[in-house]
Amino acid sequence: MPQFQTWEEFSRAAEKLYLADPMKVRVVLKYRHVDGNLCIKVTDDLVCLMYRTDQAQDVKKIEKFHSQLMRLMVAKESRSVTMETE
């Protein structure tokens, strides 16, 4: 399970994974209060991508990315539109 060191690499890889097969992708957010770590994991059962952080600025990026992914997942229109993660 590759754990990415930079947010940009993770978000690009997760977006590609989602756009490849939207029906199989799952997203898991996990927060550990003891460590102050937030972990986001994106998987399609074959590939598992993970990013872990304790920085507040990264938490904001994860929140924005997660909401964009959720919007794509519930949208009735074509899912081939790329996400803007900036």
PDB file of N, CA and C in Angstrom:
ATOM      1  N   MET A   1       0.851  -1.169   0.000  1.00  0.00           N
ATOM      2  CA  MET A   1       0.000   0.000   0.000  1.00  0.00           C
ATOM      3  C   MET A   1       0.896   1.231   0.000  1.00  0.00           C
ATOM      4  N   PRO A   2       0.950   1.957  -1.124  1.00  0.00           N
ATOM      5  CA  PRO A   2       1.816   3.133  -1.181  1.00  0.00           C
ATOM      6  C   PRO A   2       1.268   4.280  -0.339  1.00  0.00           C
ATOM      7  N   GLN A   3       2.123   4.832   0.483  1.00  0.00           N
ATOM      8  CA  GLN A   3       1.756   5.998   1.279  1.00  0.00           C
ATOM      9  C   GLN A   3       2.484   7.193   0.680  1.00  0.00           C
ATOM     10  N   PHE A   4       1.739   8.174   0.210  1.00  0.00           N
ATOM     11  CA  PHE A   4       2.315   9.326  -0.466  1.00  0.00           C
ATOM     12  C   PHE A   4       2.839  10.341   0.536  1.00  0.00           C
ATOM     13  N   GLN A   5       3.939  10.983   0.166  1.00  0.00           N
ATOM     14  CA  GLN A   5       4.553  11.997   1.023  1.00  0.00           C
ATOM     15  C   GLN A   5       4.030  13.398   0.727  1.00  0.00           C
ATOM     16  N   THR A   6       3.589  13.643  -0.511  1.00  0.00           N
ATOM     17  CA  THR A   6       3.073  14.970  -0.859  1.00  0.00           C
ATOM     18  C   THR A   6       1.606  14.871  -1.258  1.00  0.00           C
ATOM     19  N   TRP A   7       0.866  15.916  -0.943  1.00  0.00           N
ATOM     20  CA  TRP A   7      -0.557  15.949  -1.228  1.00  0.00           C
ATOM     21  C   TRP A   7      -0.825  15.950  -2.736  1.00  0.00           C
ATOM     22  N   GLU A   8      -0.014  16.681  -3.489  1.00  0.00           N
ATOM     23  CA  GLU A   8      -0.230  16.804  -4.928  1.00  0.00           C
ATOM     24  C   GLU A   8      -0.150  15.441  -5.612  1.00  0.00           C
ATOM     25  N   GLU A   9       0.860  14.638  -5.260  1.00  0.00           N
ATOM     26  CA  GLU A   9       0.994  13.305  -5.838  1.00  0.00           C
ATOM     27  C   GLU A   9      -0.215  12.439  -5.489  1.00  0.00           C
ATOM     28  N   PHE A  10      -0.614  12.485  -4.235  1.00  0.00           N
ATOM     29  CA  PHE A  10      -1.749  11.670  -3.801  1.00  0.00           C
ATOM     30  C   PHE A  10      -3.029  12.076  -4.525  1.00  0.00           C
ATOM     31  N   SER A  11      -3.315  13.372  -4.593  1.00  0.00           N
ATOM     32  CA  SER A  11      -4.572  13.812  -5.197  1.00  0.00           C
ATOM     33  C   SER A  11      -4.626  13.458  -6.683  1.00  0.00           C
ATOM     34  N   ARG A  12      -3.494  13.578  -7.398  1.00  0.00           N
ATOM     35  CA  ARG A  12      -3.475  13.189  -8.805  1.00  0.00           C
ATOM     36  C   ARG A  12      -3.709  11.687  -8.974  1.00  0.00           C
ATOM     37  N   ALA A  13      -3.035  10.889  -8.157  1.00  0.00           N
ATOM     38  CA  ALA A  13      -3.188   9.432  -8.255  1.00  0.00           C
ATOM     39  C   ALA A  13      -4.602   9.000  -7.888  1.00  0.00           C
ATOM     40  N   ALA A  14      -5.182   9.600  -6.856  1.00  0.00           N
ATOM     41  CA  ALA A  14      -6.538   9.253  -6.431  1.00  0.00           C
ATOM     42  C   ALA A  14      -7.559   9.654  -7.488  1.00  0.00           C
ATOM     43  N   GLU A  15      -7.355  10.798  -8.116  1.00  0.00           N
ATOM     44  CA  GLU A  15      -8.266  11.236  -9.169  1.00  0.00           C
ATOM     45  C   GLU A  15      -8.208  10.273 -10.357  1.00  0.00           C
ATOM     46  N   LYS A  16      -7.012   9.865 -10.757  1.00  0.00           N
ATOM     47  CA  LYS A  16      -6.873   8.905 -11.861  1.00  0.00           C
ATOM     48  C   LYS A  16      -7.538   7.578 -11.518  1.00  0.00           C
ATOM     49  N   LEU A  17      -7.349   7.140 -10.292  1.00  0.00           N
ATOM     50  CA  LEU A  17      -7.955   5.882  -9.853  1.00  0.00           C
ATOM     51  C   LEU A  17      -9.473   5.976  -9.910  1.00  0.00           C
ATOM     52  N   TYR A  18     -10.033   7.091  -9.446  1.00  0.00           N
ATOM     53  CA  TYR A  18     -11.486   7.259  -9.464  1.00  0.00           C
ATOM     54  C   TYR A  18     -12.017   7.327 -10.887  1.00  0.00           C
ATOM     55  N   LEU A  19     -11.364   8.097 -11.738  1.00  0.00           N
ATOM     56  CA  LEU A  19     -11.855   8.263 -13.105  1.00  0.00           C
ATOM     57  C   LEU A  19     -11.718   6.983 -13.928  1.00  0.00           C
ATOM     58  N   ALA A  20     -10.804   6.099 -13.561  1.00  0.00           N
ATOM     59  CA  ALA A  20     -10.636   4.837 -14.276  1.00  0.00           C
ATOM     60  C   ALA A  20     -11.860   3.934 -14.113  1.00  0.00           C
ATOM     61  N   ASP A  21     -12.407   3.848 -12.906  1.00  0.00           N
ATOM     62  CA  ASP A  21     -13.591   3.020 -12.661  1.00  0.00           C
ATOM     63  C   ASP A  21     -14.347   3.540 -11.441  1.00  0.00           C
ATOM     64  N   PRO A  22     -15.234   4.510 -11.633  1.00  0.00           N
ATOM     65  CA  PRO A  22     -15.931   5.155 -10.512  1.00  0.00           C
ATOM     66  C   PRO A  22     -16.792   4.221  -9.662  1.00  0.00           C
ATOM     67  N   MET A  23     -17.255   3.123 -10.230  1.00  0.00           N
ATOM     68  CA  MET A  23     -18.155   2.239  -9.484  1.00  0.00           C
ATOM     69  C   MET A  23     -17.432   1.360  -8.463  1.00  0.00           C
ATOM     70  N   LYS A  24     -16.126   1.236  -8.558  1.00  0.00           N
ATOM     71  CA  LYS A  24     -15.392   0.364  -7.649  1.00  0.00           C
ATOM     72  C   LYS A  24     -14.600   1.111  -6.585  1.00  0.00           C
ATOM     73  N   VAL A  25     -14.489   2.414  -6.690  1.00  0.00           N
ATOM     74  CA  VAL A  25     -13.629   3.182  -5.789  1.00  0.00           C
ATOM     75  C   VAL A  25     -14.329   3.490  -4.477  1.00  0.00           C
ATOM     76  N   ARG A  26     -13.580   3.326  -3.385  1.00  0.00           N
ATOM     77  CA  ARG A  26     -14.059   3.675  -2.043  1.00  0.00           C
ATOM     78  C   ARG A  26     -13.087   4.671  -1.428  1.00  0.00           C
ATOM     79  N   VAL A  27     -13.628   5.526  -0.564  1.00  0.00           N
ATOM     80  CA  VAL A  27     -12.807   6.511   0.136  1.00  0.00           C
ATOM     81  C   VAL A  27     -13.054   6.356   1.633  1.00  0.00           C
ATOM     82  N   VAL A  28     -11.971   6.301   2.394  1.00  0.00           N
ATOM     83  CA  VAL A  28     -12.077   6.167   3.846  1.00  0.00           C
ATOM     84  C   VAL A  28     -11.275   7.286   4.495  1.00  0.00           C
ATOM     85  N   LEU A  29     -11.915   7.995   5.418  1.00  0.00           N
ATOM     86  CA  LEU A  29     -11.231   9.000   6.229  1.00  0.00           C
ATOM     87  C   LEU A  29     -11.144   8.467   7.649  1.00  0.00           C
ATOM     88  N   LYS A  30      -9.967   8.593   8.246  1.00  0.00           N
ATOM     89  CA  LYS A  30      -9.788   8.085   9.601  1.00  0.00           C
ATOM     90  C   LYS A  30      -8.992   9.112  10.404  1.00  0.00           C
ATOM     91  N   TYR A  31      -9.529   9.506  11.556  1.00  0.00           N
ATOM     92  CA  TYR A  31      -8.847  10.466  12.419  1.00  0.00           C
ATOM     93  C   TYR A  31      -8.498   9.800  13.742  1.00  0.00           C
ATOM     94  N   ARG A  32      -7.239   9.938  14.152  1.00  0.00           N
ATOM     95  CA  ARG A  32      -6.787   9.421  15.448  1.00  0.00           C
ATOM     96  C   ARG A  32      -6.479  10.606  16.341  1.00  0.00           C
ATOM     97  N   HIS A  33      -7.312  10.822  17.330  1.00  0.00           N
ATOM     98  CA  HIS A  33      -7.159  11.953  18.232  1.00  0.00           C
ATOM     99  C   HIS A  33      -5.872  11.856  19.057  1.00  0.00           C
ATOM    100  N   VAL A  34      -5.477  10.645  19.411  1.00  0.00           N
ATOM    101  CA  VAL A  34      -4.281  10.425  20.218  1.00  0.00           C
ATOM    102  C   VAL A  34      -3.040  10.990  19.518  1.00  0.00           C
ATOM    103  N   ASP A  35      -2.920  10.704  18.206  1.00  0.00           N
ATOM    104  CA  ASP A  35      -1.776  11.180  17.423  1.00  0.00           C
ATOM    105  C   ASP A  35      -2.039  12.540  16.784  1.00  0.00           C
ATOM    106  N   GLY A  36      -3.298  12.882  16.597  1.00  0.00           N
ATOM    107  CA  GLY A  36      -3.648  14.080  15.853  1.00  0.00           C
ATOM    108  C   GLY A  36      -3.472  13.873  14.359  1.00  0.00           C
ATOM    109  N   ASN A  37      -3.556  12.620  13.899  1.00  0.00           N
ATOM    110  CA  ASN A  37      -3.357  12.278  12.488  1.00  0.00           C
ATOM    111  C   ASN A  37      -4.681  12.055  11.778  1.00  0.00           C
ATOM    112  N   LEU A  38      -4.738  12.549  10.554  1.00  0.00           N
ATOM    113  CA  LEU A  38      -5.866  12.282   9.672  1.00  0.00           C
ATOM    114  C   LEU A  38      -5.334  11.484   8.496  1.00  0.00           C
ATOM    115  N   CYS A  39      -6.000  10.389   8.187  1.00  0.00           N
ATOM    116  CA  CYS A  39      -5.571   9.502   7.105  1.00  0.00           C
ATOM    117  C   CYS A  39      -6.705   9.402   6.098  1.00  0.00           C
ATOM    118  N   ILE A  40      -6.383   9.571   4.821  1.00  0.00           N
ATOM    119  CA  ILE A  40      -7.360   9.355   3.760  1.00  0.00           C
ATOM    120  C   ILE A  40      -6.849   8.201   2.905  1.00  0.00           C
ATOM    121  N   LYS A  41      -7.741   7.254   2.633  1.00  0.00           N
ATOM    122  CA  LYS A  41      -7.386   6.083   1.849  1.00  0.00           C
ATOM    123  C   LYS A  41      -8.379   5.957   0.709  1.00  0.00           C
ATOM    124  N   VAL A  42      -7.870   5.790  -0.508  1.00  0.00           N
ATOM    125  CA  VAL A  42      -8.690   5.609  -1.700  1.00  0.00           C
ATOM    126  C   VAL A  42      -8.302   4.265  -2.298  1.00  0.00           C
ATOM    127  N   THR A  43      -9.295   3.400  -2.513  1.00  0.00           N
ATOM    128  CA  THR A  43      -8.997   2.062  -3.009  1.00  0.00           C
ATOM    129  C   THR A  43     -10.060   1.582  -3.982  1.00  0.00           C
ATOM    130  N   ASP A  44      -9.637   0.686  -4.872  1.00  0.00           N
ATOM    131  CA  ASP A  44     -10.573  -0.008  -5.751  1.00  0.00           C
ATOM    132  C   ASP A  44     -10.393  -1.518  -5.614  1.00  0.00           C
ATOM    133  N   ASP A  45      -9.886  -1.972  -4.512  1.00  0.00           N
ATOM    134  CA  ASP A  45      -9.602  -3.359  -4.162  1.00  0.00           C
ATOM    135  C   ASP A  45      -8.345  -3.918  -4.834  1.00  0.00           C
ATOM    136  N   LEU A  46      -7.879  -3.299  -5.894  1.00  0.00           N
ATOM    137  CA  LEU A  46      -6.627  -3.721  -6.521  1.00  0.00           C
ATOM    138  C   LEU A  46      -5.494  -2.772  -6.145  1.00  0.00           C
ATOM    139  N   VAL A  47      -5.800  -1.497  -6.140  1.00  0.00           N
ATOM    140  CA  VAL A  47      -4.824  -0.454  -5.807  1.00  0.00           C
ATOM    141  C   VAL A  47      -5.329   0.272  -4.574  1.00  0.00           C
ATOM    142  N   CYS A  48      -4.438   0.517  -3.637  1.00  0.00           N
ATOM    143  CA  CYS A  48      -4.800   1.237  -2.416  1.00  0.00           C
ATOM    144  C   CYS A  48      -3.838   2.400  -2.236  1.00  0.00           C
ATOM    145  N   LEU A  49      -4.373   3.622  -2.220  1.00  0.00           N
ATOM    146  CA  LEU A  49      -3.569   4.825  -2.065  1.00  0.00           C
ATOM    147  C   LEU A  49      -3.850   5.429  -0.698  1.00  0.00           C
ATOM    148  N   MET A  50      -2.802   5.902  -0.007  1.00  0.00           N
ATOM    149  CA  MET A  50      -2.995   6.438   1.331  1.00  0.00           C
ATOM    150  C   MET A  50      -2.151   7.689   1.532  1.00  0.00           C
ATOM    151  N   TYR A  51      -2.743   8.643   2.252  1.00  0.00           N
ATOM    152  CA  TYR A  51      -2.040   9.869   2.622  1.00  0.00           C
ATOM    153  C   TYR A  51      -2.360  10.167   4.080  1.00  0.00           C
ATOM    154  N   ARG A  52      -1.337  10.447   4.854  1.00  0.00           N
ATOM    155  CA  ARG A  52      -1.502  10.703   6.286  1.00  0.00           C
ATOM    156  C   ARG A  52      -0.877  12.045   6.636  1.00  0.00           C
ATOM    157  N   THR A  53      -1.563  12.832   7.487  1.00  0.00           N
ATOM    158  CA  THR A  53      -1.046  14.137   7.863  1.00  0.00           C
ATOM    159  C   THR A  53      -1.503  14.543   9.255  1.00  0.00           C
ATOM    160  N   ASP A  54      -0.780  15.493   9.829  1.00  0.00           N
ATOM    161  CA  ASP A  54      -1.201  16.106  11.083  1.00  0.00           C
ATOM    162  C   ASP A  54      -1.200  17.633  10.962  1.00  0.00           C
ATOM    163  N   GLN A  55      -1.043  18.129   9.742  1.00  0.00           N
ATOM    164  CA  GLN A  55      -0.997  19.562   9.469  1.00  0.00           C
ATOM    165  C   GLN A  55      -2.392  20.098   9.143  1.00  0.00           C
ATOM    166  N   ALA A  56      -2.740  21.232   9.738  1.00  0.00           N
ATOM    167  CA  ALA A  56      -4.066  21.816   9.535  1.00  0.00           C
ATOM    168  C   ALA A  56      -4.291  22.205   8.071  1.00  0.00           C
ATOM    169  N   GLN A  57      -3.265  22.694   7.404  1.00  0.00           N
ATOM    170  CA  GLN A  57      -3.437  23.100   6.007  1.00  0.00           C
ATOM    171  C   GLN A  57      -3.734  21.898   5.111  1.00  0.00           C
ATOM    172  N   ASP A  58      -3.159  20.748   5.427  1.00  0.00           N
ATOM    173  CA  ASP A  58      -3.455  19.534   4.668  1.00  0.00           C
ATOM    174  C   ASP A  58      -4.861  19.031   4.959  1.00  0.00           C
ATOM    175  N   VAL A  59      -5.326  19.222   6.174  1.00  0.00           N
ATOM    176  CA  VAL A  59      -6.687  18.811   6.522  1.00  0.00           C
ATOM    177  C   VAL A  59      -7.691  19.583   5.673  1.00  0.00           C
ATOM    178  N   LYS A  60      -7.448  20.856   5.451  1.00  0.00           N
ATOM    179  CA  LYS A  60      -8.329  21.662   4.593  1.00  0.00           C
ATOM    180  C   LYS A  60      -8.322  21.127   3.166  1.00  0.00           C
ATOM    181  N   LYS A  61      -7.141  20.748   2.655  1.00  0.00           N
ATOM    182  CA  LYS A  61      -7.042  20.201   1.301  1.00  0.00           C
ATOM    183  C   LYS A  61      -7.795  18.878   1.198  1.00  0.00           C
ATOM    184  N   ILE A  62      -7.662  18.033   2.221  1.00  0.00           N
ATOM    185  CA  ILE A  62      -8.358  16.748   2.232  1.00  0.00           C
ATOM    186  C   ILE A  62      -9.864  16.972   2.250  1.00  0.00           C
ATOM    187  N   GLU A  63     -10.316  17.915   3.040  1.00  0.00           N
ATOM    188  CA  GLU A  63     -11.750  18.213   3.118  1.00  0.00           C
ATOM    189  C   GLU A  63     -12.284  18.666   1.759  1.00  0.00           C
ATOM    190  N   LYS A  64     -11.549  19.542   1.093  1.00  0.00           N
ATOM    191  CA  LYS A  64     -11.974  20.032  -0.217  1.00  0.00           C
ATOM    192  C   LYS A  64     -11.979  18.904  -1.247  1.00  0.00           C
ATOM    193  N   PHE A  65     -10.925  18.091  -1.262  1.00  0.00           N
ATOM    194  CA  PHE A  65     -10.821  16.972  -2.185  1.00  0.00           C
ATOM    195  C   PHE A  65     -11.946  15.964  -1.958  1.00  0.00           C
ATOM    196  N   HIS A  66     -12.210  15.659  -0.702  1.00  0.00           N
ATOM    197  CA  HIS A  66     -13.259  14.698  -0.354  1.00  0.00           C
ATOM    198  C   HIS A  66     -14.627  15.195  -0.810  1.00  0.00           C
ATOM    199  N   SER A  67     -14.906  16.472  -0.604  1.00  0.00           N
ATOM    200  CA  SER A  67     -16.207  17.005  -1.025  1.00  0.00           C
ATOM    201  C   SER A  67     -16.332  16.999  -2.549  1.00  0.00           C
ATOM    202  N   GLN A  68     -15.244  17.270  -3.270  1.00  0.00           N
ATOM    203  CA  GLN A  68     -15.285  17.216  -4.732  1.00  0.00           C
ATOM    204  C   GLN A  68     -15.526  15.785  -5.215  1.00  0.00           C
ATOM    205  N   LEU A  69     -14.872  14.829  -4.571  1.00  0.00           N
ATOM    206  CA  LEU A  69     -15.085  13.425  -4.922  1.00  0.00           C
ATOM    207  C   LEU A  69     -16.537  13.015  -4.674  1.00  0.00           C
ATOM    208  N   MET A  70     -17.083  13.428  -3.546  1.00  0.00           N
ATOM    209  CA  MET A  70     -18.476  13.084  -3.224  1.00  0.00           C
ATOM    210  C   MET A  70     -19.433  13.698  -4.236  1.00  0.00           C
ATOM    211  N   ARG A  71     -19.172  14.930  -4.659  1.00  0.00           N
ATOM    212  CA  ARG A  71     -20.018  15.556  -5.674  1.00  0.00           C
ATOM    213  C   ARG A  71     -19.976  14.772  -6.978  1.00  0.00           C
ATOM    214  N   LEU A  72     -18.783  14.327  -7.378  1.00  0.00           N
ATOM    215  CA  LEU A  72     -18.672  13.523  -8.594  1.00  0.00           C
ATOM    216  C   LEU A  72     -19.418  12.202  -8.452  1.00  0.00           C
ATOM    217  N   MET A  73     -19.353  11.603  -7.277  1.00  0.00           N
ATOM    218  CA  MET A  73     -19.980  10.301  -7.065  1.00  0.00           C
ATOM    219  C   MET A  73     -21.504  10.370  -7.119  1.00  0.00           C
ATOM    220  N   VAL A  74     -22.090  11.464  -6.696  1.00  0.00           N
ATOM    221  CA  VAL A  74     -23.549  11.558  -6.683  1.00  0.00           C
ATOM    222  C   VAL A  74     -24.120  12.276  -7.896  1.00  0.00           C
ATOM    223  N   ALA A  75     -23.255  12.820  -8.748  1.00  0.00           N
ATOM    224  CA  ALA A  75     -23.719  13.546  -9.926  1.00  0.00           C
ATOM    225  C   ALA A  75     -24.337  12.583 -10.927  1.00  0.00           C
ATOM    226  N   LYS A  76     -25.424  13.024 -11.560  1.00  0.00           N
ATOM    227  CA  LYS A  76     -26.096  12.194 -12.554  1.00  0.00           C
ATOM    228  C   LYS A  76     -25.468  12.353 -13.936  1.00  0.00           C
ATOM    229  N   GLU A  77     -24.741  13.452 -14.135  1.00  0.00           N
ATOM    230  CA  GLU A  77     -24.139  13.701 -15.441  1.00  0.00           C
ATOM    231  C   GLU A  77     -22.856  12.894 -15.613  1.00  0.00           C
ATOM    232  N   SER A  78     -22.223  13.074 -16.727  1.00  0.00           N
ATOM    233  CA  SER A  78     -21.012  12.325 -17.061  1.00  0.00           C
ATOM    234  C   SER A  78     -19.933  12.505 -16.003  1.00  0.00           C
ATOM    235  N   ARG A  79     -19.273  11.414 -15.667  1.00  0.00           N
ATOM    236  CA  ARG A  79     -18.236  11.423 -14.644  1.00  0.00           C
ATOM    237  C   ARG A  79     -16.853  11.635 -15.245  1.00  0.00           C
ATOM    238  N   SER A  80     -16.776  11.958 -16.520  1.00  0.00           N
ATOM    239  CA  SER A  80     -15.482  12.096 -17.164  1.00  0.00           C
ATOM    240  C   SER A  80     -14.872  13.485 -16.974  1.00  0.00           C
ATOM    241  N   VAL A  81     -15.576  14.370 -16.307  1.00  0.00           N
ATOM    242  CA  VAL A  81     -15.048  15.708 -16.051  1.00  0.00           C
ATOM    243  C   VAL A  81     -13.982  15.608 -14.973  1.00  0.00           C
ATOM    244  N   THR A  82     -12.819  16.198 -15.234  1.00  0.00           N
ATOM    245  CA  THR A  82     -11.737  16.120 -14.246  1.00  0.00           C
ATOM    246  C   THR A  82     -11.995  17.064 -13.087  1.00  0.00           C
ATOM    247  N   MET A  83     -11.493  16.701 -11.943  1.00  0.00           N
ATOM    248  CA  MET A  83     -11.663  17.506 -10.741  1.00  0.00           C
ATOM    249  C   MET A  83     -10.615  18.596 -10.701  1.00  0.00           C
ATOM    250  N   GLU A  84     -10.973  19.711 -10.090  1.00  0.00           N
ATOM    251  CA  GLU A  84     -10.014  20.780  -9.859  1.00  0.00           C
ATOM    252  C   GLU A  84      -9.635  20.715  -8.404  1.00  0.00           C
ATOM    253  N   THR A  85      -8.371  20.391  -8.121  1.00  0.00           N
ATOM    254  CA  THR A  85      -7.931  20.211  -6.733  1.00  0.00           C
ATOM    255  C   THR A  85      -7.078  21.362  -6.248  1.00  0.00           C
ATOM    256  N   GLU A  86      -7.228  22.498  -6.843  1.00  0.00           N
ATOM    257  CA  GLU A  86      -6.411  23.651  -6.436  1.00  0.00           C
ATOM    258  C   GLU A  86      -7.138  24.457  -5.395  1.00  0.00           C
TER     259      GLU A  86
END
